Amino acid sequence: MGSCSRRHFLLSICVLQLLFIIERQVFDFLGYMWAPILVNFFHIIFVIFGFFGAYQYRPKYLVTYSLWNLLWIGWNVFLICFYLNVGVLDRDSDLLNLGTGSVSWFEVNGYGCKPTYPMNITSEDPYRPVRPERVDGCLLDYHIVEITHSGVQCALALLGLFGAICLGHTYLDEDDSFDFMGGDAKSPQHTAVHPIQQK
């Protein structure tokens, strides 16, 4: 696989990451999920770094993008565990909404979902959104949709990490190792540069 095809591979992965994260960001905004909204903004910034690193041949941008992808994979694994109620994690807690009481938009707005709300709404906090007692008829439960989103993000991050490592390795191999003061003795194209002697 040549340098150009590696570059196009990484650029394609970055574009896919941007499309999927913008879609996810819209639904997180609709559900007022503040922690994911903040992390998604950082992801958008670092994917843009990766895109420009591949487009403009900047290995430092690719290293930054790669390190962020490792953190991004960790965040999405945490989200998968959160929505699966692994260990002490509880998807009904206020961890992701930062105490606002809101939940995933897909809980009541998923395809085919019919929420049933309590008849007597006597909430202690009038500013917290009312959660339905139950939701029937959903094609997919909201936590399955969120797990799928995180799984797709993990897969794209792994592909992006692989592409950035391969492309960064290619950039470093193609780096011109010309020594300004001594010249490159192996190459006939470079002549040694010597300082002018004053007499």
C-alpha atoms as a PDB file:
ATOM      1  CA  MET A   1       0.000   0.000   0.000  1.00  0.00           C
ATOM      2  CA  GLY A   2       1.615   3.238  -1.124  1.00  0.00           C
ATOM      3  CA  SER A   3       1.802   6.520   0.717  1.00  0.00           C
ATOM      4  CA  CYS A   4      -0.988   8.056  -1.363  1.00  0.00           C
ATOM      5  CA  SER A   5      -3.412   5.211  -0.686  1.00  0.00           C
ATOM      6  CA  ARG A   6      -2.586   5.294   3.051  1.00  0.00           C
ATOM      7  CA  ARG A   7      -3.221   9.005   3.027  1.00  0.00           C
ATOM      8  CA  HIS A   8      -6.572   8.570   1.255  1.00  0.00           C
ATOM      9  CA  PHE A   9      -7.502   5.796   3.701  1.00  0.00           C
ATOM     10  CA  LEU A  10      -6.892   8.051   6.708  1.00  0.00           C
ATOM     11  CA  LEU A  11      -8.659  11.004   5.089  1.00  0.00           C
ATOM     12  CA  SER A  12     -11.672   8.760   4.418  1.00  0.00           C
ATOM     13  CA  ILE A  13     -11.704   7.524   8.012  1.00  0.00           C
ATOM     14  CA  CYS A  14     -11.529  11.119   9.305  1.00  0.00           C
ATOM     15  CA  VAL A  15     -14.464  12.135   7.114  1.00  0.00           C
ATOM     16  CA  LEU A  16     -16.486   9.149   8.355  1.00  0.00           C
ATOM     17  CA  GLN A  17     -15.587   9.991  11.951  1.00  0.00           C
ATOM     18  CA  LEU A  18     -16.759  13.575  11.442  1.00  0.00           C
ATOM     19  CA  LEU A  19     -20.054  12.468   9.895  1.00  0.00           C
ATOM     20  CA  PHE A  20     -20.817   9.966  12.650  1.00  0.00           C
ATOM     21  CA  ILE A  21     -19.775  12.259  15.506  1.00  0.00           C
ATOM     22  CA  ILE A  22     -21.876  15.143  14.165  1.00  0.00           C
ATOM     23  CA  GLU A  23     -24.875  12.786  13.998  1.00  0.00           C
ATOM     24  CA  ARG A  24     -24.178  11.650  17.551  1.00  0.00           C
ATOM     25  CA  GLN A  25     -23.691  15.229  18.733  1.00  0.00           C
ATOM     26  CA  VAL A  26     -27.099  16.256  17.369  1.00  0.00           C
ATOM     27  CA  PHE A  27     -28.872  13.494  19.302  1.00  0.00           C
ATOM     28  CA  ASP A  28     -26.870  14.221  22.463  1.00  0.00           C
ATOM     29  CA  PHE A  29     -27.957  17.865  22.185  1.00  0.00           C
ATOM     30  CA  LEU A  30     -31.583  16.775  21.758  1.00  0.00           C
ATOM     31  CA  GLY A  31     -31.283  14.650  24.915  1.00  0.00           C
ATOM     32  CA  TYR A  32     -29.300  17.277  26.901  1.00  0.00           C
ATOM     33  CA  MET A  33     -26.533  14.769  27.620  1.00  0.00           C
ATOM     34  CA  TRP A  34     -23.898  17.306  28.675  1.00  0.00           C
ATOM     35  CA  ALA A  35     -20.866  15.086  29.371  1.00  0.00           C
ATOM     36  CA  PRO A  36     -21.028  13.396  25.939  1.00  0.00           C
ATOM     37  CA  ILE A  37     -21.600  16.787  24.283  1.00  0.00           C
ATOM     38  CA  LEU A  38     -18.360  18.146  25.769  1.00  0.00           C
ATOM     39  CA  VAL A  39     -16.322  15.060  24.875  1.00  0.00           C
ATOM     40  CA  ASN A  40     -17.790  15.024  21.353  1.00  0.00           C
ATOM     41  CA  PHE A  41     -16.563  18.593  20.806  1.00  0.00           C
ATOM     42  CA  PHE A  42     -13.033  17.537  21.709  1.00  0.00           C
ATOM     43  CA  HIS A  43     -13.326  14.585  19.352  1.00  0.00           C
ATOM     44  CA  ILE A  44     -14.362  16.848  16.486  1.00  0.00           C
ATOM     45  CA  ILE A  45     -11.305  19.055  17.110  1.00  0.00           C
ATOM     46  CA  PHE A  46      -8.873  16.131  17.192  1.00  0.00           C
ATOM     47  CA  VAL A  47     -10.367  14.496  14.097  1.00  0.00           C
ATOM     48  CA  ILE A  48      -9.777  17.794  12.291  1.00  0.00           C
ATOM     49  CA  PHE A  49      -6.152  17.596  13.514  1.00  0.00           C
ATOM     50  CA  GLY A  50      -5.928  14.094  12.036  1.00  0.00           C
ATOM     51  CA  PHE A  51      -7.428  15.250   8.760  1.00  0.00           C
ATOM     52  CA  PHE A  52      -4.966  18.118   8.398  1.00  0.00           C
ATOM     53  CA  GLY A  53      -2.104  15.912   9.556  1.00  0.00           C
ATOM     54  CA  ALA A  54      -2.835  13.526   6.701  1.00  0.00           C
ATOM     55  CA  TYR A  55      -3.614  16.248   4.188  1.00  0.00           C
ATOM     56  CA  GLN A  56      -0.618  18.489   4.933  1.00  0.00           C
ATOM     57  CA  TYR A  57       1.938  15.782   5.822  1.00  0.00           C
ATOM     58  CA  ARG A  58       2.219  16.787   9.512  1.00  0.00           C
ATOM     59  CA  PRO A  59       3.423  13.858  11.661  1.00  0.00           C
ATOM     60  CA  LYS A  60       2.908  15.803  14.920  1.00  0.00           C
ATOM     61  CA  TYR A  61      -0.770  16.242  14.120  1.00  0.00           C
ATOM     62  CA  LEU A  62      -0.992  12.511  13.430  1.00  0.00           C
ATOM     63  CA  VAL A  63       0.606  11.707  16.795  1.00  0.00           C
ATOM     64  CA  THR A  64      -1.888  14.001  18.551  1.00  0.00           C
ATOM     65  CA  TYR A  65      -4.752  12.396  16.637  1.00  0.00           C
ATOM     66  CA  SER A  66      -3.489   8.902  17.532  1.00  0.00           C
ATOM     67  CA  LEU A  67      -3.201   9.688  21.236  1.00  0.00           C
ATOM     68  CA  TRP A  68      -6.690  11.179  21.251  1.00  0.00           C
ATOM     69  CA  ASN A  69      -8.059   8.075  19.497  1.00  0.00           C
ATOM     70  CA  LEU A  70      -6.738   5.955  22.365  1.00  0.00           C
ATOM     71  CA  LEU A  71      -8.599   8.172  24.851  1.00  0.00           C
ATOM     72  CA  TRP A  72     -11.666   8.141  22.611  1.00  0.00           C
ATOM     73  CA  ILE A  73     -11.709   4.343  22.554  1.00  0.00           C
ATOM     74  CA  GLY A  74     -11.522   4.367  26.363  1.00  0.00           C
ATOM     75  CA  TRP A  75     -14.439   6.841  26.576  1.00  0.00           C
ATOM     76  CA  ASN A  76     -16.596   4.726  24.257  1.00  0.00           C
ATOM     77  CA  VAL A  77     -15.774   1.526  26.139  1.00  0.00           C
ATOM     78  CA  PHE A  78     -16.875   3.362  29.300  1.00  0.00           C
ATOM     79  CA  LEU A  79     -20.157   4.336  27.578  1.00  0.00           C
ATOM     80  CA  ILE A  80     -20.745   0.743  26.511  1.00  0.00           C
ATOM     81  CA  CYS A  81     -20.182  -0.428  30.091  1.00  0.00           C
ATOM     82  CA  PHE A  82     -22.388   2.409  31.400  1.00  0.00           C
ATOM     83  CA  TYR A  83     -25.354   1.477  29.195  1.00  0.00           C
ATOM     84  CA  LEU A  84     -24.880  -2.234  29.977  1.00  0.00           C
ATOM     85  CA  ASN A  85     -24.940  -1.487  33.756  1.00  0.00           C
ATOM     86  CA  VAL A  86     -21.544  -3.137  34.243  1.00  0.00           C
ATOM     87  CA  GLY A  87     -20.398  -3.185  37.877  1.00  0.00           C
ATOM     88  CA  VAL A  88     -21.499  -0.126  39.843  1.00  0.00           C
ATOM     89  CA  LEU A  89     -22.480   1.805  36.707  1.00  0.00           C
ATOM     90  CA  ASP A  90     -26.193   2.528  36.313  1.00  0.00           C
ATOM     91  CA  ARG A  91     -27.639   3.900  33.091  1.00  0.00           C
ATOM     92  CA  ASP A  92     -30.439   5.583  35.102  1.00  0.00           C
ATOM     93  CA  SER A  93     -27.962   7.667  37.099  1.00  0.00           C
ATOM     94  CA  ASP A  94     -27.175  11.342  36.478  1.00  0.00           C
ATOM     95  CA  LEU A  95     -23.549  10.669  35.551  1.00  0.00           C
ATOM     96  CA  LEU A  96     -23.735  11.595  31.852  1.00  0.00           C
ATOM     97  CA  ASN A  97     -26.231  14.442  32.126  1.00  0.00           C
ATOM     98  CA  LEU A  98     -24.223  16.128  34.907  1.00  0.00           C
ATOM     99  CA  GLY A  99     -27.156  16.185  37.314  1.00  0.00           C
ATOM    100  CA  THR A 100     -29.848  17.618  35.027  1.00  0.00           C
ATOM    101  CA  GLY A 101     -31.977  14.458  35.024  1.00  0.00           C
ATOM    102  CA  SER A 102     -32.163  14.218  31.246  1.00  0.00           C
ATOM    103  CA  VAL A 103     -31.591  10.941  29.415  1.00  0.00           C
ATOM    104  CA  SER A 104     -30.881   9.722  25.929  1.00  0.00           C
ATOM    105  CA  TRP A 105     -33.179  11.178  23.289  1.00  0.00           C
ATOM    106  CA  PHE A 106     -33.814   7.666  22.011  1.00  0.00           C
ATOM    107  CA  GLU A 107     -35.556   6.582  25.263  1.00  0.00           C
ATOM    108  CA  VAL A 108     -38.910   8.060  24.228  1.00  0.00           C
ATOM    109  CA  ASN A 109     -38.256   9.116  20.622  1.00  0.00           C
ATOM    110  CA  GLY A 110     -36.889   5.911  19.161  1.00  0.00           C
ATOM    111  CA  TYR A 111     -38.670   4.277  16.232  1.00  0.00           C
ATOM    112  CA  GLY A 112     -42.040   2.906  17.403  1.00  0.00           C
ATOM    113  CA  CYS A 113     -41.633   4.015  21.036  1.00  0.00           C
ATOM    114  CA  LYS A 114     -44.810   4.814  22.967  1.00  0.00           C
ATOM    115  CA  PRO A 115     -44.019   6.286  26.391  1.00  0.00           C
ATOM    116  CA  THR A 116     -46.462   6.070  29.314  1.00  0.00           C
ATOM    117  CA  TYR A 117     -46.110   8.945  31.766  1.00  0.00           C
ATOM    118  CA  PRO A 118     -47.305   8.943  35.385  1.00  0.00           C
ATOM    119  CA  MET A 119     -50.770  10.446  35.909  1.00  0.00           C
ATOM    120  CA  ASN A 120     -49.945  12.399  39.061  1.00  0.00           C
ATOM    121  CA  ILE A 121     -46.754  14.333  38.463  1.00  0.00           C
ATOM    122  CA  THR A 122     -45.558  15.520  41.862  1.00  0.00           C
ATOM    123  CA  SER A 123     -41.874  15.930  41.241  1.00  0.00           C
ATOM    124  CA  GLU A 124     -39.639  17.228  44.012  1.00  0.00           C
ATOM    125  CA  ASP A 125     -37.624  19.170  41.450  1.00  0.00           C
ATOM    126  CA  PRO A 126     -39.844  21.005  38.919  1.00  0.00           C
ATOM    127  CA  TYR A 127     -36.833  21.632  36.649  1.00  0.00           C
ATOM    128  CA  ARG A 128     -36.029  17.952  36.113  1.00  0.00           C
ATOM    129  CA  PRO A 129     -37.630  16.424  33.028  1.00  0.00           C
ATOM    130  CA  VAL A 130     -40.366  13.871  33.695  1.00  0.00           C
ATOM    131  CA  ARG A 131     -39.319  10.317  32.885  1.00  0.00           C
ATOM    132  CA  PRO A 132     -41.911   7.881  31.578  1.00  0.00           C
ATOM    133  CA  GLU A 133     -43.043   4.980  33.761  1.00  0.00           C
ATOM    134  CA  ARG A 134     -42.499   2.633  30.856  1.00  0.00           C
ATOM    135  CA  VAL A 135     -41.831   2.744  27.137  1.00  0.00           C
ATOM    136  CA  ASP A 136     -43.431   0.144  24.855  1.00  0.00           C
ATOM    137  CA  GLY A 137     -43.118  -0.803  21.207  1.00  0.00           C
ATOM    138  CA  CYS A 138     -39.552   0.381  20.555  1.00  0.00           C
ATOM    139  CA  LEU A 139     -37.805  -1.294  17.668  1.00  0.00           C
ATOM    140  CA  LEU A 140     -34.564  -0.980  19.687  1.00  0.00           C
ATOM    141  CA  ASP A 141     -34.246   0.040  23.319  1.00  0.00           C
ATOM    142  CA  TYR A 142     -32.383   3.307  23.820  1.00  0.00           C
ATOM    143  CA  HIS A 143     -29.417   1.672  25.522  1.00  0.00           C
ATOM    144  CA  ILE A 144     -28.927  -0.665  22.524  1.00  0.00           C
ATOM    145  CA  VAL A 145     -28.873   2.372  20.207  1.00  0.00           C
ATOM    146  CA  GLU A 146     -26.305   4.119  22.439  1.00  0.00           C
ATOM    147  CA  ILE A 147     -24.156   0.965  22.637  1.00  0.00           C
ATOM    148  CA  THR A 148     -24.268   0.724  18.832  1.00  0.00           C
ATOM    149  CA  HIS A 149     -23.174   4.363  18.513  1.00  0.00           C
ATOM    150  CA  SER A 150     -20.234   3.713  20.833  1.00  0.00           C
ATOM    151  CA  GLY A 151     -19.301   0.501  19.036  1.00  0.00           C
ATOM    152  CA  VAL A 152     -19.197   2.278  15.671  1.00  0.00           C
ATOM    153  CA  GLN A 153     -17.049   5.035  17.207  1.00  0.00           C
ATOM    154  CA  CYS A 154     -14.625   2.434  18.629  1.00  0.00           C
ATOM    155  CA  ALA A 155     -14.321   0.713  15.232  1.00  0.00           C
ATOM    156  CA  LEU A 156     -13.669   4.005  13.421  1.00  0.00           C
ATOM    157  CA  ALA A 157     -11.142   5.065  16.086  1.00  0.00           C
ATOM    158  CA  LEU A 158      -9.254   1.765  15.697  1.00  0.00           C
ATOM    159  CA  LEU A 159      -9.161   2.205  11.917  1.00  0.00           C
ATOM    160  CA  GLY A 160      -8.053   5.821  12.334  1.00  0.00           C
ATOM    161  CA  LEU A 161      -5.336   4.790  14.782  1.00  0.00           C
ATOM    162  CA  PHE A 162      -4.089   2.127  12.373  1.00  0.00           C
ATOM    163  CA  GLY A 163      -4.147   4.583   9.451  1.00  0.00           C
ATOM    164  CA  ALA A 164      -2.352   7.314  11.412  1.00  0.00           C
ATOM    165  CA  ILE A 165       0.392   4.924  12.574  1.00  0.00           C
ATOM    166  CA  CYS A 166       0.959   3.591   9.044  1.00  0.00           C
ATOM    167  CA  LEU A 167       0.943   7.058   7.509  1.00  0.00           C
ATOM    168  CA  GLY A 168       3.180   8.519  10.215  1.00  0.00           C
ATOM    169  CA  HIS A 169       5.647   5.677   9.667  1.00  0.00           C
ATOM    170  CA  THR A 170       5.629   6.446   5.936  1.00  0.00           C
ATOM    171  CA  TYR A 171       6.244  10.162   6.576  1.00  0.00           C
ATOM    172  CA  LEU A 172       9.173   9.388   8.848  1.00  0.00           C
ATOM    173  CA  ASP A 173      10.681   6.990   6.283  1.00  0.00           C
ATOM    174  CA  GLU A 174      10.431   9.616   3.550  1.00  0.00           C
ATOM    175  CA  ASP A 175      11.935  12.324   5.760  1.00  0.00           C
ATOM    176  CA  ASP A 176      14.993  13.924   4.170  1.00  0.00           C
ATOM    177  CA  SER A 177      17.885  13.344   6.540  1.00  0.00           C
ATOM    178  CA  PHE A 178      20.166  15.925   4.932  1.00  0.00           C
ATOM    179  CA  ASP A 179      22.674  17.317   7.401  1.00  0.00           C
ATOM    180  CA  PHE A 180      23.160  20.993   6.546  1.00  0.00           C
ATOM    181  CA  MET A 181      26.695  21.334   7.827  1.00  0.00           C
ATOM    182  CA  GLY A 182      28.190  18.053   6.674  1.00  0.00           C
ATOM    183  CA  GLY A 183      26.101  17.163   3.647  1.00  0.00           C
ATOM    184  CA  ASP A 184      24.778  13.726   2.852  1.00  0.00           C
ATOM    185  CA  ALA A 185      27.720  11.636   1.734  1.00  0.00           C
ATOM    186  CA  LYS A 186      25.483   8.863   0.358  1.00  0.00           C
ATOM    187  CA  SER A 187      23.656  11.070  -2.086  1.00  0.00           C
ATOM    188  CA  PRO A 188      25.366  12.600  -5.124  1.00  0.00           C
ATOM    189  CA  GLN A 189      22.595  15.214  -5.285  1.00  0.00           C
ATOM    190  CA  HIS A 190      23.784  16.910  -2.120  1.00  0.00           C
ATOM    191  CA  THR A 191      27.093  18.715  -1.894  1.00  0.00           C
ATOM    192  CA  ALA A 192      28.865  19.409   1.328  1.00  0.00           C
ATOM    193  CA  VAL A 193      28.495  22.978   2.550  1.00  0.00           C
ATOM    194  CA  HIS A 194      31.609  24.464   4.164  1.00  0.00           C
ATOM    195  CA  PRO A 195      31.948  27.858   5.794  1.00  0.00           C
ATOM    196  CA  ILE A 196      33.887  30.528   3.878  1.00  0.00           C
ATOM    197  CA  GLN A 197      37.434  30.891   5.107  1.00  0.00           C
ATOM    198  CA  GLN A 198      38.463  34.470   5.851  1.00  0.00           C
ATOM    199  CA  LYS A 199      42.071  35.402   4.866  1.00  0.00           C
END
